[in-house]
C-alpha cells in the first residue's frame, strides 16, 4: 500500500510536466482538419511559393468602416506593416466610409479588404445602423427600433437564414459598387458561426447563407475552426473549393474569455481550465480587464506573442484584432458597445492597435518564422482553380 501511495504521489507530481510534453493535451481541444491540398498535392503555403511547413498568418482588423475611428485605426496600423488585411462592415448609413475605404484600397493594392458580414449592431441608438436591404425585404433582420439586432442571441432566435442570405449578397455587392475589391468574408460578432433557432430553419442556416455568398462571388471565407458543430460546413466549403483558414483565433475583452473557456464554477474547475489552456496554448488567461491602455498592452502583448506561436499551425492561420484611433482634428470618439462595460471597447481597440504597430511584435514574428499575408493572394488562387 505504501508503494502504491508513493507511486500515486509521483504520478501527480510528474503529470504537470509530462502531460504537456506528450502532446496529449492537444487532443482535448477540437481543431478542424487542415485545408485540402490541390491536384498536385500542394498545400496553400506551397501554392504561394513557401515551404510546406510554413506558418502563414493573416492578421485581420475587424469592423473597419462601421465607425470613422475604426477606419482611422486601420489606416494607422496598416502603415506599420504587420496588419495587411481588414474586414469592412457594410450597413445602411456608411456610404462615406465605404468611399474612403475604396480610395485606400486603390492606393494600397498590397492590402486585403474583406466584408465583415453583419447581422448585429451592438451600439444601437449610440451609433445606429440597419441592414442594407429594406425591412420590407428582410423583416427578420430588424429589431423593434428599426435597427440591426443588438445581441447574438437575438440573431439566433429571430433571424430567418433566408433573409440573411439575401442581405449578405447585398452587403458584398454594395462594397463592390463602392469600388472595394473584396478579398474574403468573415463575421461581425461571430453570428454566422452560431446555430440558428429560427422556426423551421436548419440549425446551420446562418453559416450556409454565408457560404452561399462566398460561392456566389467565388472568394475565401473564414470559419470557426474550434467549433466541432461546423465540421460538416467546413467539408462543404472544401468540396466547393472555398479557401478557409486552418486555424481561426483572436481575442477581444480579456475578462470575457474566462467564461468562454469555463472560467466559472469551483476553484478546481478554474484551476484545471487555466492549466489546460496554459499548457495547450502557452498563455495564462487573465481574470480581469485592465482599465488603462498601457496596462492592457502589457497583458495583451504577452498573450498574443504566445498565441501566434502556440495556436498557429503550419498552414493558413487567421488572427482577428480590432484597430481604432481617435484623431483630434475630427473630434470623433471610439463608440462604446452595449455588450461591454464602459471604457472596455476603447481600451481593447487602442491596445490592439498598439500591439500590432509595435517593433516588439514585428521582431517576434520574424524570430519565429511567421509569414504575414492577406486574402488577396488566396483569392487569386481560388479564382484560378
Protein backbone atom coordinates (compact mmCIF):
# COMPACT_ATOMS: atom_id res chain seq x y z
CA UNK A 1 0.00 0.00 0.00
CA UNK A 2 2.86 2.34 0.84
CA UNK A 3 4.46 1.71 -2.58
CA UNK A 4 1.15 2.42 -4.31
CA UNK A 5 0.74 5.69 -2.41
CA UNK A 6 4.29 6.79 -3.28
CA UNK A 7 3.73 5.87 -6.94
CA UNK A 8 0.48 7.86 -6.99
CA UNK A 9 2.19 10.88 -5.46
CA UNK A 10 4.99 10.65 -8.01
CA UNK A 11 2.44 10.47 -10.82
CA UNK A 12 0.59 13.54 -9.58
CA UNK A 13 3.85 15.45 -9.25
CA UNK A 14 5.11 14.48 -12.70
CA UNK A 15 1.83 14.89 -14.61
CA UNK A 16 2.03 18.70 -14.94
CA UNK A 17 5.45 18.27 -16.56
CA UNK A 18 4.98 15.10 -18.61
CA UNK A 19 1.45 15.55 -19.98
CA UNK A 20 2.05 18.87 -21.80
CA UNK A 21 5.21 17.50 -23.41
CA UNK A 22 3.38 14.37 -24.56
CA UNK A 23 1.06 16.32 -26.86
CA UNK A 24 -1.99 14.60 -25.38
CA UNK A 25 -3.46 17.91 -24.27
CA UNK A 26 -3.88 18.92 -27.91
CA UNK A 27 -6.47 16.16 -28.20
CA UNK A 28 -8.62 17.89 -25.56
CA UNK A 29 -9.19 20.84 -27.91
CA UNK A 30 -11.11 20.26 -31.13
CA UNK A 31 -9.43 21.53 -34.28
CA UNK A 32 -10.66 21.20 -37.82
CA UNK A 33 -8.67 19.16 -40.30
CA UNK A 34 -6.10 21.04 -42.41
CA UNK A 35 -7.34 22.64 -45.61
CA UNK A 36 -7.13 20.26 -48.60
CA UNK A 37 -4.20 20.19 -51.00
CA UNK A 38 -4.52 20.96 -54.71
CA UNK A 39 -4.48 18.45 -57.58
CA UNK A 40 -0.68 18.41 -57.45
CA UNK A 41 -0.63 17.65 -53.73
CA UNK A 42 0.47 21.15 -52.70
CA UNK A 43 -0.95 22.89 -49.66
CA UNK A 44 -1.71 26.63 -49.64
CA UNK A 45 1.78 27.54 -48.47
CA UNK A 46 3.34 25.68 -51.37
CA UNK A 47 0.87 27.20 -53.82
CA UNK A 48 2.08 30.62 -52.66
CA UNK A 49 5.72 29.60 -53.08
CA UNK A 50 6.57 28.87 -49.44
CA UNK A 51 7.78 25.62 -47.82
CA UNK A 52 5.15 23.01 -46.96
CA UNK A 53 5.51 23.57 -43.20
CA UNK A 54 5.39 27.39 -43.38
CA UNK A 55 3.17 29.23 -40.90
CA UNK A 56 1.15 31.77 -42.88
CA UNK A 57 -0.60 34.41 -40.77
CA UNK A 58 -3.36 36.80 -41.77
CA UNK A 59 -3.68 39.49 -39.10
CA UNK A 60 -7.12 40.92 -39.85
CA UNK A 61 -8.61 44.07 -38.30
CA UNK A 62 -12.38 43.75 -37.91
CA UNK A 63 -15.14 46.39 -38.07
CA UNK A 64 -13.48 48.85 -40.47
CA UNK A 65 -15.98 51.30 -41.90
CA UNK A 66 -18.56 50.85 -39.17
CA UNK A 67 -17.28 53.98 -37.44
CA UNK A 68 -14.73 56.61 -38.58
CA UNK A 69 -12.46 55.84 -35.60
CA UNK A 70 -12.17 52.22 -36.78
CA UNK A 71 -11.18 53.37 -40.27
CA UNK A 72 -8.65 55.80 -38.74
CA UNK A 73 -7.19 52.91 -36.77
CA UNK A 74 -6.70 50.51 -39.64
CA UNK A 75 -5.06 53.21 -41.77
CA UNK A 76 -2.60 53.94 -38.96
CA UNK A 77 -1.88 50.30 -38.14
CA UNK A 78 -1.50 49.10 -41.73
CA UNK A 79 1.15 51.75 -42.29
CA UNK A 80 3.30 49.95 -39.67
CA UNK A 81 3.47 46.85 -41.87
CA UNK A 82 2.14 43.97 -39.73
CA UNK A 83 -1.58 44.16 -40.47
CA UNK A 84 -2.23 43.58 -44.16
CA UNK A 85 -5.89 42.63 -44.04
CA UNK A 86 -9.14 44.10 -42.79
CA UNK A 87 -12.85 43.32 -42.85
CA UNK A 88 -15.33 46.07 -43.64
CA UNK A 89 -18.78 46.35 -42.08
CA UNK A 90 -21.35 47.42 -44.66
CA UNK A 91 -24.58 48.92 -43.36
CA UNK A 92 -27.28 51.32 -44.48
CA UNK A 93 -25.61 54.59 -43.50
CA UNK A 94 -21.84 54.35 -44.05
CA UNK A 95 -21.56 55.26 -47.74
CA UNK A 96 -18.96 57.94 -47.00
CA UNK A 97 -16.78 55.46 -45.09
CA UNK A 98 -17.06 52.92 -47.91
CA UNK A 99 -15.92 55.55 -50.41
CA UNK A 100 -12.98 56.39 -48.15
CA UNK A 101 -12.01 52.72 -47.84
CA UNK A 102 -12.28 52.23 -51.59
CA UNK A 103 -9.80 55.06 -52.08
CA UNK A 104 -7.40 53.49 -49.57
CA UNK A 105 -7.73 50.15 -51.33
CA UNK A 106 -6.83 51.69 -54.67
CA UNK A 107 -3.80 53.39 -53.16
CA UNK A 108 -2.66 50.17 -51.45
CA UNK A 109 -3.24 47.10 -53.62
CA UNK A 110 -0.93 45.18 -51.27
CA UNK A 111 -3.69 45.13 -48.63
CA UNK A 112 -6.71 42.83 -48.47
CA UNK A 113 -10.24 44.13 -47.85
CA UNK A 114 -12.93 41.64 -46.88
CA UNK A 115 -16.55 42.01 -45.77
CA UNK A 116 -17.42 41.60 -42.09
CA UNK A 117 -20.85 40.08 -42.66
CA UNK A 118 -23.18 41.96 -40.32
CA UNK A 119 -26.41 40.96 -38.58
CA UNK A 120 -25.87 42.95 -35.35
CA UNK A 121 -25.31 46.50 -34.13
CA UNK A 122 -24.04 46.45 -30.57
CA UNK A 123 -24.20 50.27 -30.33
CA UNK A 124 -27.93 50.74 -31.07
CA UNK A 125 -29.01 54.37 -30.51
CA UNK A 126 -25.45 55.33 -29.50
CA UNK A 127 -24.27 54.71 -33.07
CA UNK A 128 -27.26 53.36 -35.02
CA UNK A 129 -27.29 51.35 -38.22
CA UNK A 130 -29.52 48.89 -40.01
CA UNK A 131 -29.15 46.27 -42.76
CA UNK A 132 -28.58 47.31 -46.37
CA UNK A 133 -31.83 45.79 -47.63
CA UNK A 134 -35.13 47.38 -46.55
CA UNK A 135 -37.32 45.95 -43.82
CA UNK A 136 -39.96 45.04 -46.39
CA UNK A 137 -37.48 42.62 -48.00
CA UNK A 138 -35.74 41.20 -44.90
CA UNK A 139 -38.06 41.91 -41.94
CA UNK A 140 -36.43 39.37 -39.62
CA UNK A 141 -33.14 41.29 -39.68
CA UNK A 142 -34.69 44.33 -37.96
CA UNK A 143 -35.44 44.86 -34.27
CA UNK A 144 -38.28 46.96 -32.89
CA UNK A 145 -36.14 50.13 -33.20
CA UNK A 146 -35.69 49.60 -36.94
CA UNK A 147 -32.01 48.69 -36.47
CA UNK A 148 -29.93 45.53 -36.75
CA UNK A 149 -30.24 43.28 -33.69
CA UNK A 150 -28.13 44.18 -30.68
CA UNK A 151 -27.19 40.70 -29.41
CA UNK A 152 -26.04 37.42 -30.92
CA UNK A 153 -28.77 35.58 -29.03
CA UNK A 154 -31.36 37.77 -30.76
CA UNK A 155 -29.95 36.82 -34.15
CA UNK A 156 -30.08 33.12 -33.31
CA UNK A 157 -33.74 33.37 -32.33
CA UNK A 158 -35.17 35.96 -34.72
CA UNK A 159 -33.19 35.96 -37.98
CA UNK A 160 -34.51 33.93 -40.90
CA UNK A 161 -31.41 32.46 -42.62
CA UNK A 162 -33.09 33.04 -45.99
CA UNK A 163 -33.19 36.76 -45.22
CA UNK A 164 -29.57 36.65 -44.06
CA UNK A 165 -28.57 35.08 -47.39
CA UNK A 166 -30.16 37.98 -49.30
CA UNK A 167 -28.55 40.57 -47.02
CA UNK A 168 -25.07 39.05 -47.29
CA UNK A 169 -25.18 39.27 -51.09
CA UNK A 170 -26.39 42.88 -50.83
CA UNK A 171 -23.61 43.88 -48.41
CA UNK A 172 -20.91 42.43 -50.64
CA UNK A 173 -22.41 43.98 -53.76
CA UNK A 174 -22.62 47.40 -52.10
CA UNK A 175 -18.91 47.22 -51.26
CA UNK A 176 -18.07 46.18 -54.81
CA UNK A 177 -20.19 49.01 -56.20
CA UNK A 178 -18.27 51.42 -53.96
CA UNK A 179 -15.04 50.28 -55.63
CA UNK A 180 -13.71 47.88 -52.98
CA UNK A 181 -12.04 44.75 -54.36
CA UNK A 182 -13.49 42.25 -51.85
CA UNK A 183 -10.95 39.57 -50.93
CA UNK A 184 -12.74 37.46 -48.31
CA UNK A 185 -15.71 37.07 -45.95
CA UNK A 186 -15.87 36.75 -42.18
CA UNK A 187 -18.36 37.55 -39.42
CA UNK A 188 -19.18 40.50 -37.19
CA UNK A 189 -19.53 39.20 -33.61
CA UNK A 190 -19.30 35.62 -34.92
CA UNK A 191 -23.00 35.48 -35.76
CA UNK A 192 -22.59 33.39 -38.92
CA UNK A 193 -20.91 30.64 -36.89
CA UNK A 194 -23.84 30.31 -34.49
CA UNK A 195 -26.63 27.76 -34.60
CA UNK A 196 -29.97 29.11 -35.85
CA UNK A 197 -33.06 28.69 -33.70
CA UNK A 198 -35.40 30.32 -36.20
CA UNK A 199 -38.62 28.28 -36.64
CA UNK A 200 -38.36 25.62 -39.36
CA UNK A 201 -34.82 26.71 -40.29
CA UNK A 202 -31.85 24.37 -40.39
CA UNK A 203 -29.54 24.79 -37.42
CA UNK A 204 -26.61 25.61 -39.74
CA UNK A 205 -28.69 28.04 -41.80
CA UNK A 206 -26.65 31.14 -40.92
CA UNK A 207 -23.28 29.77 -41.93
CA UNK A 208 -24.74 28.16 -45.04
CA UNK A 209 -26.12 31.58 -46.01
CA UNK A 210 -22.58 32.97 -45.72
CA UNK A 211 -21.11 30.04 -47.65
CA UNK A 212 -23.65 30.66 -50.42
CA UNK A 213 -22.37 34.23 -50.67
CA UNK A 214 -18.75 33.02 -50.79
CA UNK A 215 -19.67 30.65 -53.60
CA UNK A 216 -21.63 33.36 -55.44
CA UNK A 217 -18.63 35.72 -55.51
CA UNK A 218 -16.01 32.92 -55.53
CA UNK A 219 -13.95 34.31 -52.64
CA UNK A 220 -12.36 32.83 -49.48
CA UNK A 221 -14.25 32.74 -46.19
CA UNK A 222 -13.33 32.15 -42.56
CA UNK A 223 -14.87 29.53 -40.30
CA UNK A 224 -14.55 28.94 -36.57
CA UNK A 225 -12.01 26.13 -36.67
CA UNK A 226 -12.50 25.26 -32.98
CA UNK A 227 -16.25 24.54 -33.27
CA UNK A 228 -16.93 20.87 -33.92
CA UNK A 229 -20.55 21.66 -34.87
CA UNK A 230 -19.26 23.34 -38.04
CA UNK A 231 -17.21 20.42 -39.35
CA UNK A 232 -19.89 19.48 -41.90
CA UNK A 233 -19.91 23.05 -43.17
CA UNK A 234 -16.12 23.06 -43.37
CA UNK A 235 -16.24 19.94 -45.52
CA UNK A 236 -18.84 21.60 -47.73
CA UNK A 237 -16.52 24.59 -48.20
CA UNK A 238 -13.59 22.32 -49.02
CA UNK A 239 -15.63 20.33 -51.54
CA UNK A 240 -16.63 23.55 -53.31
CA UNK A 241 -13.10 24.96 -53.41
CA UNK A 242 -13.67 27.80 -50.93
CA UNK A 243 -10.36 28.65 -49.28
CA UNK A 244 -10.58 28.89 -45.49
CA UNK A 245 -8.03 29.09 -42.66
CA UNK A 246 -6.62 26.04 -40.91
CA UNK A 247 -6.77 27.97 -37.65
CA UNK A 248 -9.05 30.91 -36.79
CA UNK A 249 -8.46 32.70 -33.50
CA UNK A 250 -8.24 36.06 -31.73
CA UNK A 251 -9.19 37.91 -28.56
CA UNK A 252 -11.30 40.90 -27.57
CA UNK A 253 -12.20 41.63 -23.97
CA UNK A 254 -9.70 39.77 -21.78
CA UNK A 255 -12.01 39.01 -18.86
CA UNK A 256 -14.72 37.78 -21.25
CA UNK A 257 -12.56 34.87 -22.37
CA UNK A 258 -12.79 33.30 -18.94
CA UNK A 259 -16.47 32.45 -19.33
CA UNK A 260 -15.88 31.26 -22.89
CA UNK A 261 -13.36 28.74 -21.58
CA UNK A 262 -15.25 27.62 -18.46
CA UNK A 263 -13.54 30.03 -16.07
CA UNK A 264 -16.64 29.79 -13.91
CA UNK A 265 -17.56 27.35 -11.19
CA UNK A 266 -15.45 25.77 -8.49
CA UNK A 267 -11.84 26.61 -7.74
CA UNK A 268 -10.72 23.21 -9.06
CA UNK A 269 -12.60 23.78 -12.33
CA UNK A 270 -10.90 27.14 -12.78
CA UNK A 271 -7.53 25.61 -11.98
CA UNK A 272 -7.96 22.75 -14.46
CA UNK A 273 -9.16 25.06 -17.23
CA UNK A 274 -6.33 27.51 -16.67
CA UNK A 275 -3.81 24.67 -16.62
CA UNK A 276 -5.10 23.13 -19.86
CA UNK A 277 -5.15 26.49 -21.65
CA UNK A 278 -1.66 27.40 -20.50
CA UNK A 279 -0.15 24.05 -21.42
CA UNK A 280 -2.04 23.76 -24.71
CA UNK A 281 -1.75 27.33 -25.95
CA UNK A 282 1.10 28.73 -23.89
CA UNK A 283 -0.55 31.66 -22.15
CA UNK A 284 -2.42 32.42 -18.96
CA UNK A 285 -5.93 33.81 -19.27
CA UNK A 286 -6.42 36.95 -17.19
CA UNK A 287 -9.27 37.06 -14.70
CA UNK A 288 -9.89 40.80 -15.01
CA UNK A 289 -9.77 43.55 -17.64
CA UNK A 290 -7.23 46.32 -17.47
CA UNK A 291 -8.57 49.85 -17.09
CA UNK A 292 -5.64 51.65 -18.73
CA UNK A 293 -4.45 51.12 -22.29
CA UNK A 294 -0.77 50.68 -21.44
CA UNK A 295 -1.59 48.14 -18.73
CA UNK A 296 -3.77 46.27 -21.20
CA UNK A 297 -0.98 46.33 -23.78
CA UNK A 298 1.42 44.58 -21.39
CA UNK A 299 -1.00 41.68 -20.86
CA UNK A 300 -2.18 41.59 -24.47
CA UNK A 301 1.35 41.65 -25.90
CA UNK A 302 2.45 38.57 -23.98
CA UNK A 303 -0.75 36.67 -24.76
CA UNK A 304 -0.53 37.46 -28.46
CA UNK A 305 3.15 36.56 -28.68
CA UNK A 306 2.46 33.16 -27.16
CA UNK A 307 -0.72 32.62 -29.16
CA UNK A 308 0.75 33.27 -32.61
CA UNK A 309 3.43 30.68 -31.85
CA UNK A 310 1.41 28.05 -29.97
CA UNK A 311 -2.06 28.33 -31.55
CA UNK A 312 -0.94 28.95 -35.12
CA UNK A 313 -0.05 25.78 -37.00
CA UNK A 314 1.77 25.13 -40.30
CA UNK A 315 -0.71 26.29 -42.92
CA UNK A 316 -3.09 29.25 -43.08
CA UNK A 317 -3.82 31.00 -39.76
CA UNK A 318 -6.27 33.88 -39.27
CA UNK A 319 -5.86 36.16 -36.25
CA UNK A 320 -8.61 38.74 -35.75
CA UNK A 321 -7.98 42.04 -33.96
CA UNK A 322 -9.69 45.43 -33.71
CA UNK A 323 -7.89 48.64 -34.60
CA UNK A 324 -9.14 52.13 -33.76
CA UNK A 325 -7.73 55.63 -33.36
CA UNK A 326 -9.09 58.95 -32.18
CA UNK A 327 -7.88 61.89 -34.27
CA UNK A 328 -8.12 65.26 -32.57
CA UNK A 329 -8.99 67.13 -35.77
CA UNK A 330 -12.37 65.44 -36.19
CA UNK A 331 -13.29 65.04 -32.51
CA UNK A 332 -14.95 61.64 -33.04
CA UNK A 333 -14.63 59.27 -30.09
CA UNK A 334 -14.44 55.47 -30.15
CA UNK A 335 -18.03 54.31 -29.55
CA UNK A 336 -18.96 52.11 -26.60
CA UNK A 337 -20.86 48.92 -27.34
CA UNK A 338 -23.73 47.90 -25.09
CA UNK A 339 -22.23 44.41 -24.63
CA UNK A 340 -19.20 45.56 -22.63
CA UNK A 341 -18.54 47.64 -19.53
CA UNK A 342 -17.94 51.36 -20.01
CA UNK A 343 -14.47 52.09 -21.36
CA UNK A 344 -13.73 48.50 -22.38
CA UNK A 345 -14.08 48.98 -26.14
CA UNK A 346 -11.67 51.91 -26.19
CA UNK A 347 -9.03 50.05 -24.14
CA UNK A 348 -9.30 46.91 -26.27
CA UNK A 349 -9.11 48.69 -29.62
CA UNK A 350 -6.29 51.02 -28.66
CA UNK A 351 -4.46 48.09 -27.05
CA UNK A 352 -4.77 46.02 -30.22
CA UNK A 353 -3.59 48.95 -32.32
CA UNK A 354 -0.53 49.41 -30.12
CA UNK A 355 0.47 45.71 -30.13
CA UNK A 356 0.12 45.32 -33.89
CA UNK A 357 2.02 48.54 -34.59
CA UNK A 358 4.95 47.63 -32.39
CA UNK A 359 8.52 46.73 -33.25
CA UNK A 360 8.36 44.14 -30.46
CA UNK A 361 5.65 42.13 -32.23
CA UNK A 362 7.34 42.57 -35.60
CA UNK A 363 10.58 41.13 -34.24
CA UNK A 364 8.71 38.29 -32.51
CA UNK A 365 7.12 37.22 -35.80
CA UNK A 366 10.46 37.37 -37.57
CA UNK A 367 12.15 35.35 -34.82
CA UNK A 368 9.51 32.63 -35.16
CA UNK A 369 9.47 32.48 -38.98
CA UNK A 370 5.82 33.55 -39.22
CA UNK A 371 4.93 34.82 -42.69
CA UNK A 372 2.39 37.64 -42.97
CA UNK A 373 0.00 37.54 -45.92
CA UNK A 374 -3.56 38.61 -46.79
CA UNK A 375 -6.50 37.13 -48.68
CA UNK A 376 -5.81 38.90 -51.97
CA UNK A 377 -3.19 36.24 -52.73
CA UNK A 378 -5.55 33.47 -51.66
CA UNK A 379 -8.45 34.87 -53.67
CA UNK A 380 -6.27 34.72 -56.77
CA UNK A 381 -5.57 31.02 -56.11
CA UNK A 382 -9.26 30.27 -55.60
CA UNK A 383 -10.38 32.06 -58.74
CA UNK A 384 -7.69 30.46 -60.89
CA UNK A 385 -8.61 26.88 -59.96
